[in-house]
Amino acid sequence: MGFSRKVLDEVSKIPRGEVVSYSELARRAGNPRAARAVGRILNGNKKPVVVPCHRVVKKDGTVGGYSRGVAKKIKLLKSEGIKIARTGGKWKIKI
């Protein structure tokens, strides 16, 4: 199984209402140094309903990008009960 498939499989395992960082997802997929590659793979996700890539955030807790727009990502995360606040001009997950 290739790295892209592993990434998408791991994203599919993230439960509703939880988030994982790009770097943690890279680790789970077998290449802990490939956080940027994870971002590129998720950007090309053609099945966002099946593969919930909106649940992947930056390791510093900021929301990060989303192929359908950051506003959509924030809306999806909030709908799952994730608390998000704007801090220093960036959207950040509240723990």
PDB file of N, CA and C in Angstrom:
ATOM      1  N   MET A   1       0.852  -1.180   0.000  1.00  0.00           N
ATOM      2  CA  MET A   1       0.000   0.000   0.000  1.00  0.00           C
ATOM      3  C   MET A   1       0.895   1.239   0.000  1.00  0.00           C
ATOM      4  N   GLY A   2       0.596   2.191  -0.869  1.00  0.00           N
ATOM      5  CA  GLY A   2       1.376   3.410  -0.965  1.00  0.00           C
ATOM      6  C   GLY A   2       1.082   4.390   0.162  1.00  0.00           C
ATOM      7  N   PHE A   3       1.962   5.369   0.304  1.00  0.00           N
ATOM      8  CA  PHE A   3       1.819   6.361   1.372  1.00  0.00           C
ATOM      9  C   PHE A   3       0.495   7.117   1.268  1.00  0.00           C
ATOM     10  N   SER A   4       0.088   7.509   0.058  1.00  0.00           N
ATOM     11  CA  SER A   4      -1.171   8.251  -0.116  1.00  0.00           C
ATOM     12  C   SER A   4      -2.348   7.447   0.412  1.00  0.00           C
ATOM     13  N   ARG A   5      -2.388   6.173   0.083  1.00  0.00           N
ATOM     14  CA  ARG A   5      -3.485   5.304   0.535  1.00  0.00           C
ATOM     15  C   ARG A   5      -3.474   5.181   2.053  1.00  0.00           C
ATOM     16  N   LYS A   6      -2.272   5.049   2.628  1.00  0.00           N
ATOM     17  CA  LYS A   6      -2.157   4.953   4.086  1.00  0.00           C
ATOM     18  C   LYS A   6      -2.676   6.222   4.755  1.00  0.00           C
ATOM     19  N   VAL A   7      -2.325   7.379   4.192  1.00  0.00           N
ATOM     20  CA  VAL A   7      -2.789   8.657   4.745  1.00  0.00           C
ATOM     21  C   VAL A   7      -4.316   8.708   4.722  1.00  0.00           C
ATOM     22  N   LEU A   8      -4.906   8.396   3.591  1.00  0.00           N
ATOM     23  CA  LEU A   8      -6.360   8.458   3.468  1.00  0.00           C
ATOM     24  C   LEU A   8      -7.037   7.442   4.392  1.00  0.00           C
ATOM     25  N   ASP A   9      -6.447   6.271   4.544  1.00  0.00           N
ATOM     26  CA  ASP A   9      -6.988   5.275   5.475  1.00  0.00           C
ATOM     27  C   ASP A   9      -6.946   5.787   6.912  1.00  0.00           C
ATOM     28  N   GLU A  10      -5.836   6.405   7.294  1.00  0.00           N
ATOM     29  CA  GLU A  10      -5.695   6.929   8.653  1.00  0.00           C
ATOM     30  C   GLU A  10      -6.670   8.080   8.911  1.00  0.00           C
ATOM     31  N   VAL A  11      -6.864   8.943   7.929  1.00  0.00           N
ATOM     32  CA  VAL A  11      -7.823  10.048   8.092  1.00  0.00           C
ATOM     33  C   VAL A  11      -9.226   9.482   8.317  1.00  0.00           C
ATOM     34  N   SER A  12      -9.552   8.429   7.621  1.00  0.00           N
ATOM     35  CA  SER A  12     -10.878   7.811   7.754  1.00  0.00           C
ATOM     36  C   SER A  12     -11.128   7.281   9.161  1.00  0.00           C
ATOM     37  N   LYS A  13     -10.069   7.054   9.925  1.00  0.00           N
ATOM     38  CA  LYS A  13     -10.192   6.522  11.290  1.00  0.00           C
ATOM     39  C   LYS A  13     -10.359   7.610  12.354  1.00  0.00           C
ATOM     40  N   ILE A  14     -10.193   8.873  11.978  1.00  0.00           N
ATOM     41  CA  ILE A  14     -10.314   9.953  12.964  1.00  0.00           C
ATOM     42  C   ILE A  14     -11.787  10.103  13.325  1.00  0.00           C
ATOM     43  N   PRO A  15     -12.130   9.898  14.604  1.00  0.00           N
ATOM     44  CA  PRO A  15     -13.531   9.981  15.005  1.00  0.00           C
ATOM     45  C   PRO A  15     -14.110  11.394  14.891  1.00  0.00           C
ATOM     46  N   ARG A  16     -15.389  11.463  14.679  1.00  0.00           N
ATOM     47  CA  ARG A  16     -16.121  12.729  14.659  1.00  0.00           C
ATOM     48  C   ARG A  16     -15.855  13.458  15.974  1.00  0.00           C
ATOM     49  N   GLY A  17     -15.580  14.752  15.885  1.00  0.00           N
ATOM     50  CA  GLY A  17     -15.340  15.548  17.080  1.00  0.00           C
ATOM     51  C   GLY A  17     -13.910  15.529  17.575  1.00  0.00           C
ATOM     52  N   GLU A  18     -13.011  14.882  16.827  1.00  0.00           N
ATOM     53  CA  GLU A  18     -11.602  14.858  17.189  1.00  0.00           C
ATOM     54  C   GLU A  18     -10.761  15.371  16.024  1.00  0.00           C
ATOM     55  N   VAL A  19      -9.579  15.875  16.348  1.00  0.00           N
ATOM     56  CA  VAL A  19      -8.648  16.346  15.315  1.00  0.00           C
ATOM     57  C   VAL A  19      -7.293  15.691  15.535  1.00  0.00           C
ATOM     58  N   VAL A  20      -6.511  15.644  14.465  1.00  0.00           N
ATOM     59  CA  VAL A  20      -5.153  15.095  14.481  1.00  0.00           C
ATOM     60  C   VAL A  20      -4.289  16.067  13.689  1.00  0.00           C
ATOM     61  N   SER A  21      -3.034  16.221  14.085  1.00  0.00           N
ATOM     62  CA  SER A  21      -2.145  17.124  13.343  1.00  0.00           C
ATOM     63  C   SER A  21      -1.624  16.433  12.078  1.00  0.00           C
ATOM     64  N   TYR A  22      -1.197  17.262  11.133  1.00  0.00           N
ATOM     65  CA  TYR A  22      -0.610  16.733   9.899  1.00  0.00           C
ATOM     66  C   TYR A  22       0.598  15.856  10.231  1.00  0.00           C
ATOM     67  N   SER A  23       1.422  16.295  11.179  1.00  0.00           N
ATOM     68  CA  SER A  23       2.617  15.528  11.524  1.00  0.00           C
ATOM     69  C   SER A  23       2.256  14.211  12.209  1.00  0.00           C
ATOM     70  N   GLU A  24       1.248  14.209  13.057  1.00  0.00           N
ATOM     71  CA  GLU A  24       0.805  12.968  13.689  1.00  0.00           C
ATOM     72  C   GLU A  24       0.233  12.016  12.644  1.00  0.00           C
ATOM     73  N   LEU A  25      -0.491  12.556  11.708  1.00  0.00           N
ATOM     74  CA  LEU A  25      -1.044  11.721  10.642  1.00  0.00           C
ATOM     75  C   LEU A  25       0.074  11.120   9.793  1.00  0.00           C
ATOM     76  N   ALA A  26       1.112  11.888   9.519  1.00  0.00           N
ATOM     77  CA  ALA A  26       2.267  11.370   8.776  1.00  0.00           C
ATOM     78  C   ALA A  26       2.914  10.223   9.551  1.00  0.00           C
ATOM     79  N   ARG A  27       3.044  10.390  10.861  1.00  0.00           N
ATOM     80  CA  ARG A  27       3.607   9.336  11.701  1.00  0.00           C
ATOM     81  C   ARG A  27       2.762   8.068  11.639  1.00  0.00           C
ATOM     82  N   ARG A  28       1.442   8.243  11.774  1.00  0.00           N
ATOM     83  CA  ARG A  28       0.536   7.093  11.731  1.00  0.00           C
ATOM     84  C   ARG A  28       0.585   6.372  10.389  1.00  0.00           C
ATOM     85  N   ALA A  29       0.845   7.127   9.330  1.00  0.00           N
ATOM     86  CA  ALA A  29       0.904   6.542   7.981  1.00  0.00           C
ATOM     87  C   ALA A  29       2.278   5.962   7.665  1.00  0.00           C
ATOM     88  N   GLY A  30       3.224   6.088   8.602  1.00  0.00           N
ATOM     89  CA  GLY A  30       4.514   5.450   8.431  1.00  0.00           C
ATOM     90  C   GLY A  30       5.670   6.321   8.006  1.00  0.00           C
ATOM     91  N   ASN A  31       5.464   7.643   7.918  1.00  0.00           N
ATOM     92  CA  ASN A  31       6.559   8.533   7.537  1.00  0.00           C
ATOM     93  C   ASN A  31       6.457   9.820   8.351  1.00  0.00           C
ATOM     94  N   PRO A  32       7.006   9.818   9.564  1.00  0.00           N
ATOM     95  CA  PRO A  32       6.841  10.954  10.471  1.00  0.00           C
ATOM     96  C   PRO A  32       7.378  12.293   9.974  1.00  0.00           C
ATOM     97  N   ARG A  33       8.195  12.290   8.939  1.00  0.00           N
ATOM     98  CA  ARG A  33       8.772  13.541   8.428  1.00  0.00           C
ATOM     99  C   ARG A  33       8.010  14.073   7.210  1.00  0.00           C
ATOM    100  N   ALA A  34       6.849  13.523   6.927  1.00  0.00           N
ATOM    101  CA  ALA A  34       6.137  13.860   5.691  1.00  0.00           C
ATOM    102  C   ALA A  34       4.853  14.668   5.913  1.00  0.00           C
ATOM    103  N   ALA A  35       4.858  15.586   6.894  1.00  0.00           N
ATOM    104  CA  ALA A  35       3.657  16.378   7.177  1.00  0.00           C
ATOM    105  C   ALA A  35       3.210  17.199   5.969  1.00  0.00           C
ATOM    106  N   ARG A  36       4.140  17.779   5.237  1.00  0.00           N
ATOM    107  CA  ARG A  36       3.780  18.574   4.045  1.00  0.00           C
ATOM    108  C   ARG A  36       3.181  17.691   2.956  1.00  0.00           C
ATOM    109  N   ALA A  37       3.714  16.492   2.806  1.00  0.00           N
ATOM    110  CA  ALA A  37       3.166  15.554   1.826  1.00  0.00           C
ATOM    111  C   ALA A  37       1.732  15.170   2.204  1.00  0.00           C
ATOM    112  N   VAL A  38       1.479  15.021   3.503  1.00  0.00           N
ATOM    113  CA  VAL A  38       0.120  14.730   3.970  1.00  0.00           C
ATOM    114  C   VAL A  38      -0.819  15.853   3.533  1.00  0.00           C
ATOM    115  N   GLY A  39      -0.394  17.097   3.703  1.00  0.00           N
ATOM    116  CA  GLY A  39      -1.210  18.241   3.288  1.00  0.00           C
ATOM    117  C   GLY A  39      -1.538  18.205   1.804  1.00  0.00           C
ATOM    118  N   ARG A  40      -0.548  17.873   0.992  1.00  0.00           N
ATOM    119  CA  ARG A  40      -0.779  17.790  -0.461  1.00  0.00           C
ATOM    120  C   ARG A  40      -1.735  16.655  -0.805  1.00  0.00           C
ATOM    121  N   ILE A  41      -1.585  15.536  -0.134  1.00  0.00           N
ATOM    122  CA  ILE A  41      -2.474  14.391  -0.375  1.00  0.00           C
ATOM    123  C   ILE A  41      -3.910  14.767  -0.013  1.00  0.00           C
ATOM    124  N   LEU A  42      -4.082  15.394   1.138  1.00  0.00           N
ATOM    125  CA  LEU A  42      -5.432  15.767   1.577  1.00  0.00           C
ATOM    126  C   LEU A  42      -6.041  16.841   0.686  1.00  0.00           C
ATOM    127  N   ASN A  43      -5.221  17.705   0.137  1.00  0.00           N
ATOM    128  CA  ASN A  43      -5.723  18.729  -0.772  1.00  0.00           C
ATOM    129  C   ASN A  43      -6.371  18.102  -2.005  1.00  0.00           C
ATOM    130  N   GLY A  44      -5.908  16.938  -2.390  1.00  0.00           N
ATOM    131  CA  GLY A  44      -6.466  16.242  -3.548  1.00  0.00           C
ATOM    132  C   GLY A  44      -7.566  15.258  -3.208  1.00  0.00           C
ATOM    133  N   ASN A  45      -8.018  15.252  -1.951  1.00  0.00           N
ATOM    134  CA  ASN A  45      -9.073  14.330  -1.513  1.00  0.00           C
ATOM    135  C   ASN A  45     -10.356  14.548  -2.318  1.00  0.00           C
ATOM    136  N   LYS A  46     -10.784  13.533  -3.030  1.00  0.00           N
ATOM    137  CA  LYS A  46     -11.979  13.640  -3.858  1.00  0.00           C
ATOM    138  C   LYS A  46     -13.238  13.118  -3.163  1.00  0.00           C
ATOM    139  N   LYS A  47     -13.079  12.597  -1.941  1.00  0.00           N
ATOM    140  CA  LYS A  47     -14.208  12.031  -1.197  1.00  0.00           C
ATOM    141  C   LYS A  47     -14.261  12.608   0.221  1.00  0.00           C
ATOM    142  N   PRO A  48     -14.508  13.925   0.361  1.00  0.00           N
ATOM    143  CA  PRO A  48     -14.459  14.530   1.693  1.00  0.00           C
ATOM    144  C   PRO A  48     -15.523  14.005   2.662  1.00  0.00           C
ATOM    145  N   VAL A  49     -16.589  13.427   2.158  1.00  0.00           N
ATOM    146  CA  VAL A  49     -17.605  12.870   3.054  1.00  0.00           C
ATOM    147  C   VAL A  49     -17.090  11.565   3.659  1.00  0.00           C
ATOM    148  N   VAL A  50     -16.391  10.772   2.868  1.00  0.00           N
ATOM    149  CA  VAL A  50     -15.860   9.482   3.318  1.00  0.00           C
ATOM    150  C   VAL A  50     -14.524   9.659   4.044  1.00  0.00           C
ATOM    151  N   VAL A  51     -13.702  10.552   3.530  1.00  0.00           N
ATOM    152  CA  VAL A  51     -12.370  10.811   4.098  1.00  0.00           C
ATOM    153  C   VAL A  51     -12.395  12.225   4.681  1.00  0.00           C
ATOM    154  N   PRO A  52     -12.679  12.349   5.986  1.00  0.00           N
ATOM    155  CA  PRO A  52     -12.908  13.661   6.615  1.00  0.00           C
ATOM    156  C   PRO A  52     -11.629  14.460   6.881  1.00  0.00           C
ATOM    157  N   CYS A  53     -11.026  14.966   5.816  1.00  0.00           N
ATOM    158  CA  CYS A  53      -9.744  15.662   5.953  1.00  0.00           C
ATOM    159  C   CYS A  53      -9.865  16.976   6.730  1.00  0.00           C
ATOM    160  N   HIS A  54     -11.075  17.465   6.951  1.00  0.00           N
ATOM    161  CA  HIS A  54     -11.234  18.685   7.761  1.00  0.00           C
ATOM    162  C   HIS A  54     -10.812  18.451   9.213  1.00  0.00           C
ATOM    163  N   ARG A  55     -10.647  17.197   9.613  1.00  0.00           N
ATOM    164  CA  ARG A  55     -10.252  16.870  10.989  1.00  0.00           C
ATOM    165  C   ARG A  55      -8.744  16.891  11.196  1.00  0.00           C
ATOM    166  N   VAL A  56      -8.011  17.327  10.185  1.00  0.00           N
ATOM    167  CA  VAL A  56      -6.547  17.404  10.283  1.00  0.00           C
ATOM    168  C   VAL A  56      -6.154  18.878  10.389  1.00  0.00           C
ATOM    169  N   VAL A  57      -5.371  19.192  11.431  1.00  0.00           N
ATOM    170  CA  VAL A  57      -4.978  20.570  11.720  1.00  0.00           C
ATOM    171  C   VAL A  57      -3.465  20.649  11.904  1.00  0.00           C
ATOM    172  N   LYS A  58      -2.954  21.857  12.005  1.00  0.00           N
ATOM    173  CA  LYS A  58      -1.516  22.041  12.237  1.00  0.00           C
ATOM    174  C   LYS A  58      -1.165  21.653  13.673  1.00  0.00           C
ATOM    175  N   LYS A  59       0.090  21.274  13.889  1.00  0.00           N
ATOM    176  CA  LYS A  59       0.494  20.820  15.222  1.00  0.00           C
ATOM    177  C   LYS A  59       0.452  21.928  16.266  1.00  0.00           C
ATOM    178  N   ASP A  60       0.469  23.196  15.841  1.00  0.00           N
ATOM    179  CA  ASP A  60       0.369  24.301  16.804  1.00  0.00           C
ATOM    180  C   ASP A  60      -1.083  24.608  17.180  1.00  0.00           C
ATOM    181  N   GLY A  61      -2.023  23.817  16.643  1.00  0.00           N
ATOM    182  CA  GLY A  61      -3.430  23.986  16.970  1.00  0.00           C
ATOM    183  C   GLY A  61      -4.190  24.899  16.030  1.00  0.00           C
ATOM    184  N   THR A  62      -3.489  25.550  15.098  1.00  0.00           N
ATOM    185  CA  THR A  62      -4.202  26.381  14.138  1.00  0.00           C
ATOM    186  C   THR A  62      -4.887  25.479  13.117  1.00  0.00           C
ATOM    187  N   VAL A  63      -5.929  25.987  12.520  1.00  0.00           N
ATOM    188  CA  VAL A  63      -6.798  25.192  11.662  1.00  0.00           C
ATOM    189  C   VAL A  63      -6.094  24.683  10.408  1.00  0.00           C
ATOM    190  N   GLY A  64      -5.250  25.479   9.798  1.00  0.00           N
ATOM    191  CA  GLY A  64      -4.604  25.049   8.557  1.00  0.00           C
ATOM    192  C   GLY A  64      -5.519  25.251   7.364  1.00  0.00           C
ATOM    193  N   GLY A  65      -5.121  24.720   6.236  1.00  0.00           N
ATOM    194  CA  GLY A  65      -5.877  24.909   5.007  1.00  0.00           C
ATOM    195  C   GLY A  65      -6.959  23.862   4.791  1.00  0.00           C
ATOM    196  N   TYR A  66      -7.717  24.086   3.736  1.00  0.00           N
ATOM    197  CA  TYR A  66      -8.779  23.159   3.355  1.00  0.00           C
ATOM    198  C   TYR A  66      -9.132  23.450   1.907  1.00  0.00           C
ATOM    199  N   SER A  67      -9.237  22.420   1.111  1.00  0.00           N
ATOM    200  CA  SER A  67      -9.463  22.609  -0.326  1.00  0.00           C
ATOM    201  C   SER A  67     -10.783  23.308  -0.638  1.00  0.00           C
ATOM    202  N   ARG A  68     -11.723  23.248   0.261  1.00  0.00           N
ATOM    203  CA  ARG A  68     -13.027  23.893   0.053  1.00  0.00           C
ATOM    204  C   ARG A  68     -13.137  25.223   0.800  1.00  0.00           C
ATOM    205  N   GLY A  69     -11.999  25.687   1.334  1.00  0.00           N
ATOM    206  CA  GLY A  69     -11.946  26.969   2.025  1.00  0.00           C
ATOM    207  C   GLY A  69     -11.916  26.811   3.533  1.00  0.00           C
ATOM    208  N   VAL A  70     -11.153  27.662   4.179  1.00  0.00           N
ATOM    209  CA  VAL A  70     -10.997  27.602   5.633  1.00  0.00           C
ATOM    210  C   VAL A  70     -12.329  27.830   6.337  1.00  0.00           C
ATOM    211  N   ALA A  71     -13.170  28.709   5.816  1.00  0.00           N
ATOM    212  CA  ALA A  71     -14.472  28.964   6.450  1.00  0.00           C
ATOM    213  C   ALA A  71     -15.307  27.685   6.500  1.00  0.00           C
ATOM    214  N   LYS A  72     -15.266  26.904   5.442  1.00  0.00           N
ATOM    215  CA  LYS A  72     -15.996  25.632   5.400  1.00  0.00           C
ATOM    216  C   LYS A  72     -15.413  24.653   6.413  1.00  0.00           C
ATOM    217  N   LYS A  73     -14.073  24.610   6.524  1.00  0.00           N
ATOM    218  CA  LYS A  73     -13.421  23.723   7.484  1.00  0.00           C
ATOM    219  C   LYS A  73     -13.841  24.085   8.906  1.00  0.00           C
ATOM    220  N   ILE A  74     -13.833  25.363   9.212  1.00  0.00           N
ATOM    221  CA  ILE A  74     -14.231  25.822  10.544  1.00  0.00           C
ATOM    222  C   ILE A  74     -15.682  25.439  10.818  1.00  0.00           C
ATOM    223  N   LYS A  75     -16.537  25.641   9.858  1.00  0.00           N
ATOM    224  CA  LYS A  75     -17.951  25.293  10.017  1.00  0.00           C
ATOM    225  C   LYS A  75     -18.120  23.794  10.296  1.00  0.00           C
ATOM    226  N   LEU A  76     -17.404  22.955   9.549  1.00  0.00           N
ATOM    227  CA  LEU A  76     -17.482  21.509   9.758  1.00  0.00           C
ATOM    228  C   LEU A  76     -16.969  21.113  11.140  1.00  0.00           C
ATOM    229  N   LEU A  77     -15.838  21.683  11.541  1.00  0.00           N
ATOM    230  CA  LEU A  77     -15.284  21.366  12.857  1.00  0.00           C
ATOM    231  C   LEU A  77     -16.227  21.793  13.974  1.00  0.00           C
ATOM    232  N   LYS A  78     -16.778  22.992  13.866  1.00  0.00           N
ATOM    233  CA  LYS A  78     -17.720  23.472  14.882  1.00  0.00           C
ATOM    234  C   LYS A  78     -18.963  22.597  14.943  1.00  0.00           C
ATOM    235  N   SER A  79     -19.412  22.114  13.778  1.00  0.00           N
ATOM    236  CA  SER A  79     -20.605  21.253  13.758  1.00  0.00           C
ATOM    237  C   SER A  79     -20.355  19.920  14.464  1.00  0.00           C
ATOM    238  N   GLU A  80     -19.077  19.562  14.624  1.00  0.00           N
ATOM    239  CA  GLU A  80     -18.710  18.329  15.320  1.00  0.00           C
ATOM    240  C   GLU A  80     -18.360  18.580  16.785  1.00  0.00           C
ATOM    241  N   GLY A  81     -18.551  19.813  17.239  1.00  0.00           N
ATOM    242  CA  GLY A  81     -18.311  20.141  18.637  1.00  0.00           C
ATOM    243  C   GLY A  81     -16.905  20.610  18.959  1.00  0.00           C
ATOM    244  N   ILE A  82     -16.077  20.833  17.941  1.00  0.00           N
ATOM    245  CA  ILE A  82     -14.724  21.336  18.160  1.00  0.00           C
ATOM    246  C   ILE A  82     -14.817  22.831  18.438  1.00  0.00           C
ATOM    247  N   LYS A  83     -14.198  23.273  19.506  1.00  0.00           N
ATOM    248  CA  LYS A  83     -14.208  24.698  19.856  1.00  0.00           C
ATOM    249  C   LYS A  83     -13.036  25.388  19.165  1.00  0.00           C
ATOM    250  N   ILE A  84     -13.346  26.479  18.493  1.00  0.00           N
ATOM    251  CA  ILE A  84     -12.346  27.226  17.726  1.00  0.00           C
ATOM    252  C   ILE A  84     -12.479  28.704  18.061  1.00  0.00           C
ATOM    253  N   ALA A  85     -11.349  29.368  18.229  1.00  0.00           N
ATOM    254  CA  ALA A  85     -11.352  30.815  18.501  1.00  0.00           C
ATOM    255  C   ALA A  85     -10.310  31.488  17.623  1.00  0.00           C
ATOM    256  N   ARG A  86     -10.548  32.737  17.326  1.00  0.00           N
ATOM    257  CA  ARG A  86      -9.581  33.526  16.560  1.00  0.00           C
ATOM    258  C   ARG A  86      -8.593  34.136  17.548  1.00  0.00           C
ATOM    259  N   THR A  87      -7.326  33.773  17.403  1.00  0.00           N
ATOM    260  CA  THR A  87      -6.276  34.239  18.309  1.00  0.00           C
ATOM    261  C   THR A  87      -5.123  34.775  17.487  1.00  0.00           C
ATOM    262  N   GLY A  88      -4.773  36.016  17.703  1.00  0.00           N
ATOM    263  CA  GLY A  88      -3.652  36.609  16.983  1.00  0.00           C
ATOM    264  C   GLY A  88      -3.815  36.558  15.475  1.00  0.00           C
ATOM    265  N   GLY A  89      -5.044  36.691  15.004  1.00  0.00           N
ATOM    266  CA  GLY A  89      -5.302  36.691  13.572  1.00  0.00           C
ATOM    267  C   GLY A  89      -5.421  35.311  12.948  1.00  0.00           C
ATOM    268  N   LYS A  90      -5.311  34.242  13.757  1.00  0.00           N
ATOM    269  CA  LYS A  90      -5.413  32.885  13.237  1.00  0.00           C
ATOM    270  C   LYS A  90      -6.508  32.123  13.972  1.00  0.00           C
ATOM    271  N   TRP A  91      -7.157  31.216  13.257  1.00  0.00           N
ATOM    272  CA  TRP A  91      -8.151  30.350  13.882  1.00  0.00           C
ATOM    273  C   TRP A  91      -7.439  29.201  14.558  1.00  0.00           C
ATOM    274  N   LYS A  92      -7.742  28.983  15.838  1.00  0.00           N
ATOM    275  CA  LYS A  92      -7.034  27.969  16.609  1.00  0.00           C
ATOM    276  C   LYS A  92      -8.016  27.106  17.394  1.00  0.00           C
ATOM    277  N   ILE A  93      -7.694  25.807  17.468  1.00  0.00           N
ATOM    278  CA  ILE A  93      -8.502  24.864  18.232  1.00  0.00           C
ATOM    279  C   ILE A  93      -8.339  25.203  19.705  1.00  0.00           C
ATOM    280  N   LYS A  94      -9.464  25.245  20.420  1.00  0.00           N
ATOM    281  CA  LYS A  94      -9.425  25.497  21.861  1.00  0.00           C
ATOM    282  C   LYS A  94      -9.501  24.152  22.580  1.00  0.00           C
ATOM    283  N   ILE A  95      -8.563  23.931  23.478  1.00  0.00           N
ATOM    284  CA  ILE A  95      -8.538  22.659  24.217  1.00  0.00           C
ATOM    285  C   ILE A  95      -9.067  22.880  25.620  1.00  0.00           C
TER     286      ILE A  95
END
